[in-house]
Amino acid sequence: MALPLNTTPTLDEFRTQLRRHNLKATRQRLAVHEAMMGLGHASADMVREELVRQGSRVTVASVYNILSQLADLRIYGRRLSATNKMFFDVNTYKHIHLYDRENHTFRDLVDDELSTLVNAHLKRRKFKGYSIEDIDIQLIAHPTRKTKSL
């Protein structure tokens, strides 16, 4: 089952992705995914805080292991902040990231026009000894008002 474009995988779609990789839909995996559905981009610490807030008892290490496994399988994406903190992205559809360098947060931007321009330009380019397999665009920004974050 292909995921609809520009959507976060539902719990049912997530279960299907797990089955495709011969993984069980454990209580912890489902809880992590539910937290990620609300957070979008999050570190293991942030996911754990959300799970604890919901009454779950789980370690940061367990959450990190689940998130890393899902990223290794390309069910989730990975983003590294300027502070070298790993963030995970529940949305794996093609999109651009806006990174807030002051608040160390990520935001998804869907800009088909920009993506098409970059893809078309890079298709015409040759990089000796390399074949481009993917394009990952990240814009680095800071808030225009000190009191407002992404």
Protein backbone atom coordinates (compact mmCIF):
# COMPACT_ATOMS: atom_id res chain seq x y z
CA MET A 1 0.00 0.00 0.00
CA ALA A 2 1.52 3.32 -1.07
CA LEU A 3 1.07 6.21 1.31
CA PRO A 4 -0.88 9.22 0.05
CA LEU A 5 1.39 12.10 -0.91
CA ASN A 6 2.13 14.72 1.74
CA THR A 7 0.52 12.89 4.65
CA THR A 8 1.73 11.47 7.92
CA PRO A 9 1.24 7.69 8.09
CA THR A 10 -1.83 6.75 10.14
CA LEU A 11 -1.58 3.99 12.74
CA ASP A 12 -2.99 1.49 10.23
CA GLU A 13 -0.50 2.58 7.55
CA PHE A 14 2.27 2.37 10.15
CA ARG A 15 1.21 -1.19 11.05
CA THR A 16 1.35 -2.09 7.34
CA GLN A 17 4.86 -0.63 7.07
CA LEU A 18 5.97 -2.68 10.08
CA ARG A 19 4.52 -5.88 8.60
CA ARG A 20 6.32 -5.18 5.32
CA HIS A 21 9.58 -5.23 7.31
CA ASN A 22 8.56 -8.30 9.36
CA LEU A 23 8.29 -6.27 12.58
CA LYS A 24 5.57 -6.65 15.17
CA ALA A 25 3.32 -3.72 15.96
CA THR A 26 4.34 -3.68 19.62
CA ARG A 27 2.70 -1.42 22.17
CA GLN A 28 5.91 0.63 22.42
CA ARG A 29 6.32 1.05 18.64
CA LEU A 30 2.70 2.13 18.29
CA ALA A 31 3.03 4.56 21.22
CA VAL A 32 6.19 6.06 19.71
CA HIS A 33 4.45 6.49 16.35
CA GLU A 34 1.41 8.10 17.97
CA ALA A 35 3.70 10.57 19.74
CA MET A 36 5.57 11.27 16.50
CA MET A 37 2.28 11.88 14.67
CA GLY A 38 1.72 14.83 17.00
CA LEU A 39 5.32 16.02 17.16
CA GLY A 40 6.36 15.66 13.50
CA HIS A 41 10.08 16.19 14.12
CA ALA A 42 11.40 15.12 17.49
CA SER A 43 14.40 13.84 19.40
CA ALA A 44 14.20 10.70 21.52
CA ASP A 45 14.03 12.93 24.61
CA MET A 46 11.04 14.80 23.23
CA VAL A 47 9.20 11.59 22.34
CA ARG A 48 9.91 10.13 25.78
CA GLU A 49 8.59 13.29 27.46
CA GLU A 50 5.38 12.98 25.43
CA LEU A 51 5.02 9.30 26.32
CA VAL A 52 5.60 9.99 30.03
CA ARG A 53 3.04 12.80 29.86
CA GLN A 54 0.58 10.22 28.50
CA GLY A 55 1.36 7.84 31.36
CA SER A 56 3.83 5.46 29.68
CA ARG A 57 6.95 4.25 31.44
CA VAL A 58 9.70 3.97 28.85
CA THR A 59 13.39 4.81 28.80
CA VAL A 60 15.04 7.27 26.44
CA ALA A 61 17.27 4.42 25.23
CA SER A 62 14.24 2.33 24.25
CA VAL A 63 12.67 5.27 22.42
CA TYR A 64 15.97 6.05 20.65
CA ASN A 65 16.36 2.42 19.59
CA ILE A 66 12.83 2.32 18.17
CA LEU A 67 13.28 5.62 16.33
CA SER A 68 16.69 4.55 14.97
CA GLN A 69 15.31 1.22 13.75
CA LEU A 70 12.44 2.98 11.99
CA ALA A 71 14.87 5.45 10.38
CA ASP A 72 17.20 2.62 9.29
CA LEU A 73 14.20 1.05 7.53
CA ARG A 74 13.30 4.45 6.00
CA ILE A 75 9.94 4.45 7.74
CA TYR A 76 11.13 7.69 9.41
CA GLY A 77 13.72 10.22 8.35
CA ARG A 78 16.64 11.64 10.32
CA ARG A 79 17.68 15.27 10.76
CA LEU A 80 20.75 16.46 12.65
CA SER A 81 20.50 19.81 14.41
CA ALA A 82 23.31 22.35 14.64
CA THR A 83 23.80 21.19 18.23
CA ASN A 84 24.42 17.62 16.96
CA LYS A 85 21.14 16.37 18.38
CA MET A 86 19.39 13.74 16.28
CA PHE A 87 15.82 14.51 15.31
CA PHE A 88 13.51 12.03 13.61
CA ASP A 89 10.96 12.94 10.96
CA VAL A 90 7.68 11.03 10.76
CA ASN A 91 7.07 12.35 7.24
CA THR A 92 9.12 10.66 4.54
CA TYR A 93 7.36 12.17 1.54
CA LYS A 94 9.42 14.59 -0.56
CA HIS A 95 9.62 17.93 1.17
CA ILE A 96 11.98 20.71 2.16
CA HIS A 97 13.01 21.40 5.73
CA LEU A 98 13.21 24.79 7.38
CA TYR A 99 15.61 24.61 10.31
CA ASP A 100 15.28 27.28 13.00
CA ARG A 101 18.87 27.73 14.16
CA GLU A 102 17.90 29.63 17.30
CA ASN A 103 15.23 27.28 18.63
CA HIS A 104 16.69 24.13 17.02
CA THR A 105 13.41 23.05 15.49
CA PHE A 106 12.46 21.72 12.07
CA ARG A 107 9.43 22.54 9.97
CA ASP A 108 8.24 20.85 6.79
CA LEU A 109 7.83 22.96 3.69
CA VAL A 110 6.16 21.56 0.62
CA ASP A 111 7.25 23.68 -2.35
CA ASP A 112 6.75 21.70 -5.53
CA GLU A 113 7.97 24.57 -7.71
CA LEU A 114 11.33 24.84 -5.93
CA SER A 115 11.75 21.07 -5.81
CA THR A 116 11.03 20.79 -9.54
CA LEU A 117 13.55 23.55 -10.35
CA VAL A 118 16.30 21.95 -8.26
CA ASN A 119 15.61 18.45 -9.64
CA ALA A 120 15.61 19.71 -13.24
CA HIS A 121 18.86 21.62 -12.71
CA LEU A 122 20.65 18.69 -11.09
CA LYS A 123 19.48 16.23 -13.77
CA ARG A 124 21.49 18.27 -16.29
CA ARG A 125 24.61 18.26 -14.08
CA LYS A 126 27.29 15.59 -13.95
CA PHE A 127 29.37 14.96 -10.84
CA LYS A 128 32.43 12.98 -11.86
CA GLY A 129 32.49 9.65 -10.06
CA TYR A 130 29.05 10.11 -8.48
CA SER A 131 25.45 9.36 -9.28
CA ILE A 132 22.85 11.45 -7.44
CA GLU A 133 20.38 9.19 -5.65
CA ASP A 134 18.36 11.76 -3.70
CA ILE A 135 18.06 15.47 -3.03
CA ASP A 136 17.61 16.78 0.50
CA ILE A 137 17.00 20.52 0.80
CA GLN A 138 17.29 22.22 4.17
CA LEU A 139 16.87 25.95 4.59
CA ILE A 140 18.51 27.45 7.66
CA ALA A 141 16.70 30.39 9.17
CA HIS A 142 16.09 32.33 12.34
CA PRO A 143 12.85 33.81 13.64
CA THR A 144 12.11 37.33 12.49
CA ARG A 145 10.56 38.11 15.88
CA LYS A 146 12.37 37.03 19.06
CA THR A 147 9.15 35.99 20.78
CA LYS A 148 7.90 33.70 18.03
CA SER A 149 9.29 30.30 17.14
CA LEU A 150 8.34 27.84 14.41
